[in-house]
């Protein structure tokens, strides 16, 4: 069976608006392979070249002085891009983080994120649980994930929690699919999940009939173990 690699990703910033010159100060990434966290992570602290808004500091607690001797984004961009590769990125409220990441790449004159597809867990949670709170804290509570260490927002700890939330959430999606399949053999996992898969331009990407056929062939080969049942197969 082929390896399915995804990266849970989070950022912290100096403020909310790139049009006001705000920049990324921290990036956290957590590797997930075949539906399980591997323990491989990357955590970058960055000198944004400007102060953070007081409101942003209240959220993440990172003082300007702490960042003065940290590298600029362009100095560690290769490390970041090498870690994520071309794999699927899992981001909560992806539009925000992608806006800032694209801006950093543009400022640095670096090409990246062109082949990564995105799973936005905010959209996924709203799709799966309409009317329910969809914050990361609310989802941790829903899935009984311990977030007691999250006294402030932090890119790496939030990426760790996000990875756990995603794994739990995909498990519930697969469980529902299994139930529906027991009464209707025509449902397709890939088609069910594709509603929440976005490409880097926030458009739904097309899944060819050949990809669907490959997906079904792979599904038919999965051994009957619980952790493999929850894998979403994305090509």
Protein backbone atom coordinates (compact mmCIF):
# COMPACT_ATOMS: atom_id res chain seq x y z
CA UNK A 1 0.00 0.00 0.00
CA UNK A 2 1.29 3.46 -0.90
CA UNK A 3 2.24 5.93 1.83
CA UNK A 4 -0.28 8.72 2.41
CA UNK A 5 1.54 11.73 3.92
CA UNK A 6 -0.19 14.84 5.22
CA UNK A 7 1.06 17.84 7.19
CA UNK A 8 -0.95 19.61 9.88
CA UNK A 9 0.13 23.26 9.74
CA UNK A 10 -0.42 26.40 11.80
CA UNK A 11 1.06 29.90 11.85
CA UNK A 12 1.22 32.84 14.24
CA UNK A 13 1.42 36.39 12.91
CA UNK A 14 2.03 39.99 13.95
CA UNK A 15 -1.58 40.87 13.12
CA UNK A 16 -4.52 40.03 10.91
CA UNK A 17 -3.98 41.92 7.65
CA UNK A 18 -1.12 41.51 5.17
CA UNK A 19 -2.24 44.79 3.56
CA UNK A 20 -1.14 46.52 6.77
CA UNK A 21 2.28 44.90 6.51
CA UNK A 22 1.70 42.08 8.98
CA UNK A 23 3.99 39.08 8.78
CA UNK A 24 4.39 35.52 10.03
CA UNK A 25 6.36 35.06 13.25
CA UNK A 26 5.96 31.30 13.75
CA UNK A 27 5.20 28.18 11.68
CA UNK A 28 4.46 24.76 13.14
CA UNK A 29 4.09 21.56 11.12
CA UNK A 30 3.27 18.00 12.22
CA UNK A 31 3.67 14.97 9.98
CA UNK A 32 0.85 12.42 9.57
CA UNK A 33 1.48 9.22 7.64
CA UNK A 34 -1.30 6.75 6.91
CA UNK A 35 -3.57 8.37 9.48
CA UNK A 36 -1.06 8.43 12.36
CA UNK A 37 1.21 11.14 13.79
CA UNK A 38 4.83 10.10 13.30
CA UNK A 39 6.45 12.47 15.79
CA UNK A 40 8.26 14.33 13.00
CA UNK A 41 7.71 18.09 13.30
CA UNK A 42 9.18 21.44 12.38
CA UNK A 43 8.82 24.65 14.38
CA UNK A 44 10.19 27.90 13.00
CA UNK A 45 10.35 31.18 14.91
CA UNK A 46 10.83 34.19 12.63
CA UNK A 47 11.93 37.80 12.84
CA UNK A 48 9.13 39.67 11.03
CA UNK A 49 11.03 42.95 10.85
CA UNK A 50 8.17 44.81 12.54
CA UNK A 51 6.34 44.85 15.89
CA UNK A 52 3.30 42.74 16.61
CA UNK A 53 -0.05 44.35 17.38
CA UNK A 54 -0.95 44.27 21.08
CA UNK A 55 -4.01 42.16 20.21
CA UNK A 56 -1.82 39.57 18.47
CA UNK A 57 0.58 39.40 21.44
CA UNK A 58 -2.42 38.81 23.70
CA UNK A 59 -3.29 35.77 21.57
CA UNK A 60 0.14 34.15 21.13
CA UNK A 61 2.20 35.76 23.90
CA UNK A 62 5.32 36.17 21.74
CA UNK A 63 7.11 39.44 22.51
CA UNK A 64 8.91 41.46 19.86
CA UNK A 65 12.24 41.29 21.73
CA UNK A 66 12.19 37.49 21.63
CA UNK A 67 12.10 37.54 17.82
CA UNK A 68 14.95 40.01 17.24
CA UNK A 69 17.64 37.34 16.85
CA UNK A 70 15.46 34.89 14.94
CA UNK A 71 15.95 34.27 11.19
CA UNK A 72 13.92 35.99 8.49
CA UNK A 73 11.43 33.87 6.57
CA UNK A 74 13.60 33.77 3.45
CA UNK A 75 16.48 32.32 5.48
CA UNK A 76 14.49 29.23 6.52
CA UNK A 77 11.98 28.99 3.68
CA UNK A 78 13.89 26.06 2.19
CA UNK A 79 13.62 24.14 5.47
CA UNK A 80 9.87 24.77 5.58
CA UNK A 81 9.24 23.84 1.95
CA UNK A 82 11.44 20.74 2.20
CA UNK A 83 9.47 19.52 5.21
CA UNK A 84 6.02 19.91 3.64
CA UNK A 85 7.11 18.72 0.20
CA UNK A 86 4.18 18.43 -2.23
CA UNK A 87 2.00 16.69 0.35
CA UNK A 88 -1.51 17.53 1.52
CA UNK A 89 -1.72 20.34 4.07
CA UNK A 90 -4.28 20.24 6.88
CA UNK A 91 -5.05 23.76 8.11
CA UNK A 92 -7.80 25.18 10.34
CA UNK A 93 -9.25 28.25 8.62
CA UNK A 94 -6.84 27.71 5.74
CA UNK A 95 -7.63 30.97 4.00
CA UNK A 96 -5.89 32.94 6.75
CA UNK A 97 -2.68 30.91 6.93
CA UNK A 98 -2.37 30.52 3.16
CA UNK A 99 -2.77 34.26 2.66
CA UNK A 100 0.19 34.90 4.95
CA UNK A 101 2.32 32.05 3.57
CA UNK A 102 1.78 33.20 -0.02
CA UNK A 103 2.68 36.74 1.03
CA UNK A 104 5.94 35.61 2.66
CA UNK A 105 6.87 33.61 -0.43
CA UNK A 106 6.08 36.57 -2.68
CA UNK A 107 8.14 38.99 -0.59
CA UNK A 108 11.05 36.53 -0.58
CA UNK A 109 10.81 35.84 -4.32
CA UNK A 110 10.47 32.11 -3.63
CA UNK A 111 8.19 29.67 -5.46
CA UNK A 112 6.31 27.23 -3.27
CA UNK A 113 2.95 25.71 -2.30
CA UNK A 114 2.04 25.24 -5.96
CA UNK A 115 1.39 21.49 -5.77
CA UNK A 116 0.04 21.13 -2.24
CA UNK A 117 -3.64 20.42 -1.86
CA UNK A 118 -5.43 21.73 1.21
CA UNK A 119 -7.87 20.22 3.69
CA UNK A 120 -9.54 23.00 5.70
CA UNK A 121 -10.73 21.48 8.98
CA UNK A 122 -12.88 24.55 9.68
CA UNK A 123 -14.89 23.86 6.52
CA UNK A 124 -14.86 20.13 7.23
CA UNK A 125 -16.25 20.63 10.75
CA UNK A 126 -18.96 22.97 9.51
CA UNK A 127 -19.89 20.43 6.84
CA UNK A 128 -20.00 17.56 9.30
CA UNK A 129 -21.49 19.35 12.35
CA UNK A 130 -23.62 22.29 11.14
CA UNK A 131 -24.51 24.72 13.91
CA UNK A 132 -21.86 23.38 16.30
CA UNK A 133 -18.84 25.43 17.47
CA UNK A 134 -15.98 24.91 15.02
CA UNK A 135 -12.99 26.43 16.82
CA UNK A 136 -9.96 24.24 17.48
CA UNK A 137 -10.72 24.28 21.21
CA UNK A 138 -14.33 23.24 20.56
CA UNK A 139 -13.20 20.37 18.35
CA UNK A 140 -10.68 19.22 20.96
CA UNK A 141 -13.51 19.11 23.47
CA UNK A 142 -15.77 17.25 21.03
CA UNK A 143 -13.18 14.53 20.44
CA UNK A 144 -11.87 14.43 24.04
CA UNK A 145 -8.42 15.68 23.03
CA UNK A 146 -6.41 17.17 25.89
CA UNK A 147 -5.66 20.83 25.11
CA UNK A 148 -4.84 21.88 28.67
CA UNK A 149 -1.36 23.05 27.61
CA UNK A 150 -2.88 25.51 25.16
CA UNK A 151 -3.02 28.51 27.50
CA UNK A 152 -1.95 30.67 24.54
CA UNK A 153 -1.97 30.03 20.82
CA UNK A 154 1.27 28.53 19.53
CA UNK A 155 2.03 27.30 16.02
CA UNK A 156 3.48 23.91 16.99
CA UNK A 157 1.09 23.04 19.79
CA UNK A 158 -1.86 24.10 17.62
CA UNK A 159 -0.54 21.97 14.74
CA UNK A 160 -0.23 19.00 17.14
CA UNK A 161 -3.81 19.47 18.33
CA UNK A 162 -5.00 19.98 14.77
CA UNK A 163 -3.40 16.72 13.68
CA UNK A 164 -5.19 14.87 16.51
CA UNK A 165 -8.50 16.56 15.67
CA UNK A 166 -8.16 15.71 11.98
CA UNK A 167 -7.39 12.05 12.67
CA UNK A 168 -10.40 11.83 14.99
CA UNK A 169 -12.64 13.69 12.56
CA UNK A 170 -11.71 11.55 9.59
CA UNK A 171 -12.45 8.50 11.71
CA UNK A 172 -16.01 9.75 12.24
CA UNK A 173 -16.38 10.47 8.52
CA UNK A 174 -15.24 6.95 7.67
CA UNK A 175 -17.56 5.45 10.30
CA UNK A 176 -20.53 7.22 8.72
CA UNK A 177 -19.46 6.02 5.29
CA UNK A 178 -19.21 2.45 6.58
CA UNK A 179 -22.77 2.72 7.97
CA UNK A 180 -24.12 4.11 4.71
CA UNK A 181 -22.28 1.47 2.68
CA UNK A 182 -24.01 -1.26 4.69
CA UNK A 183 -27.35 -0.06 3.29
CA UNK A 184 -26.22 1.47 0.02
CA UNK A 185 -23.27 -0.02 -1.81
CA UNK A 186 -23.12 2.86 -4.30
CA UNK A 187 -21.61 5.48 -1.95
CA UNK A 188 -17.98 6.34 -2.69
CA UNK A 189 -15.61 7.53 0.04
CA UNK A 190 -13.60 9.62 -2.41
CA UNK A 191 -16.66 11.48 -3.68
CA UNK A 192 -17.86 12.06 -0.11
CA UNK A 193 -14.55 13.58 0.97
CA UNK A 194 -13.85 15.62 -2.15
CA UNK A 195 -16.30 18.31 -1.01
CA UNK A 196 -13.78 19.51 1.57
CA UNK A 197 -10.59 19.15 -0.46
CA UNK A 198 -9.27 22.39 -1.93
CA UNK A 199 -6.35 23.18 -4.17
CA UNK A 200 -3.99 26.04 -3.42
CA UNK A 201 -6.32 28.53 -5.16
CA UNK A 202 -9.25 27.44 -2.96
CA UNK A 203 -11.02 25.70 -5.84
CA UNK A 204 -12.35 22.18 -5.71
CA UNK A 205 -10.07 19.90 -7.68
CA UNK A 206 -11.45 17.38 -10.13
CA UNK A 207 -11.15 13.65 -9.56
CA UNK A 208 -10.97 11.60 -12.74
CA UNK A 209 -12.75 8.31 -13.27
CA UNK A 210 -9.35 6.61 -13.43
CA UNK A 211 -8.43 8.07 -10.02
CA UNK A 212 -11.72 6.82 -8.63
CA UNK A 213 -11.02 3.38 -10.04
CA UNK A 214 -7.53 3.37 -8.49
CA UNK A 215 -9.03 4.51 -5.21
CA UNK A 216 -11.56 1.68 -5.21
CA UNK A 217 -8.87 -0.87 -6.07
CA UNK A 218 -6.79 0.40 -3.14
CA UNK A 219 -9.75 0.30 -0.79
CA UNK A 220 -10.43 -3.31 -1.77
CA UNK A 221 -6.87 -4.24 -0.75
CA UNK A 222 -7.02 -2.70 2.74
CA UNK A 223 -6.65 -5.20 5.53
CA UNK A 224 -9.48 -5.34 8.02
CA UNK A 225 -7.75 -3.40 10.80
CA UNK A 226 -9.30 -0.37 12.50
CA UNK A 227 -6.63 2.23 11.82
CA UNK A 228 -6.51 1.45 8.11
CA UNK A 229 -10.27 1.80 7.82
CA UNK A 230 -10.09 5.51 8.55
CA UNK A 231 -7.62 6.41 5.80
CA UNK A 232 -8.96 8.87 3.19
CA UNK A 233 -7.38 7.93 -0.14
CA UNK A 234 -6.48 11.03 -2.15
CA UNK A 235 -4.64 10.96 -5.46
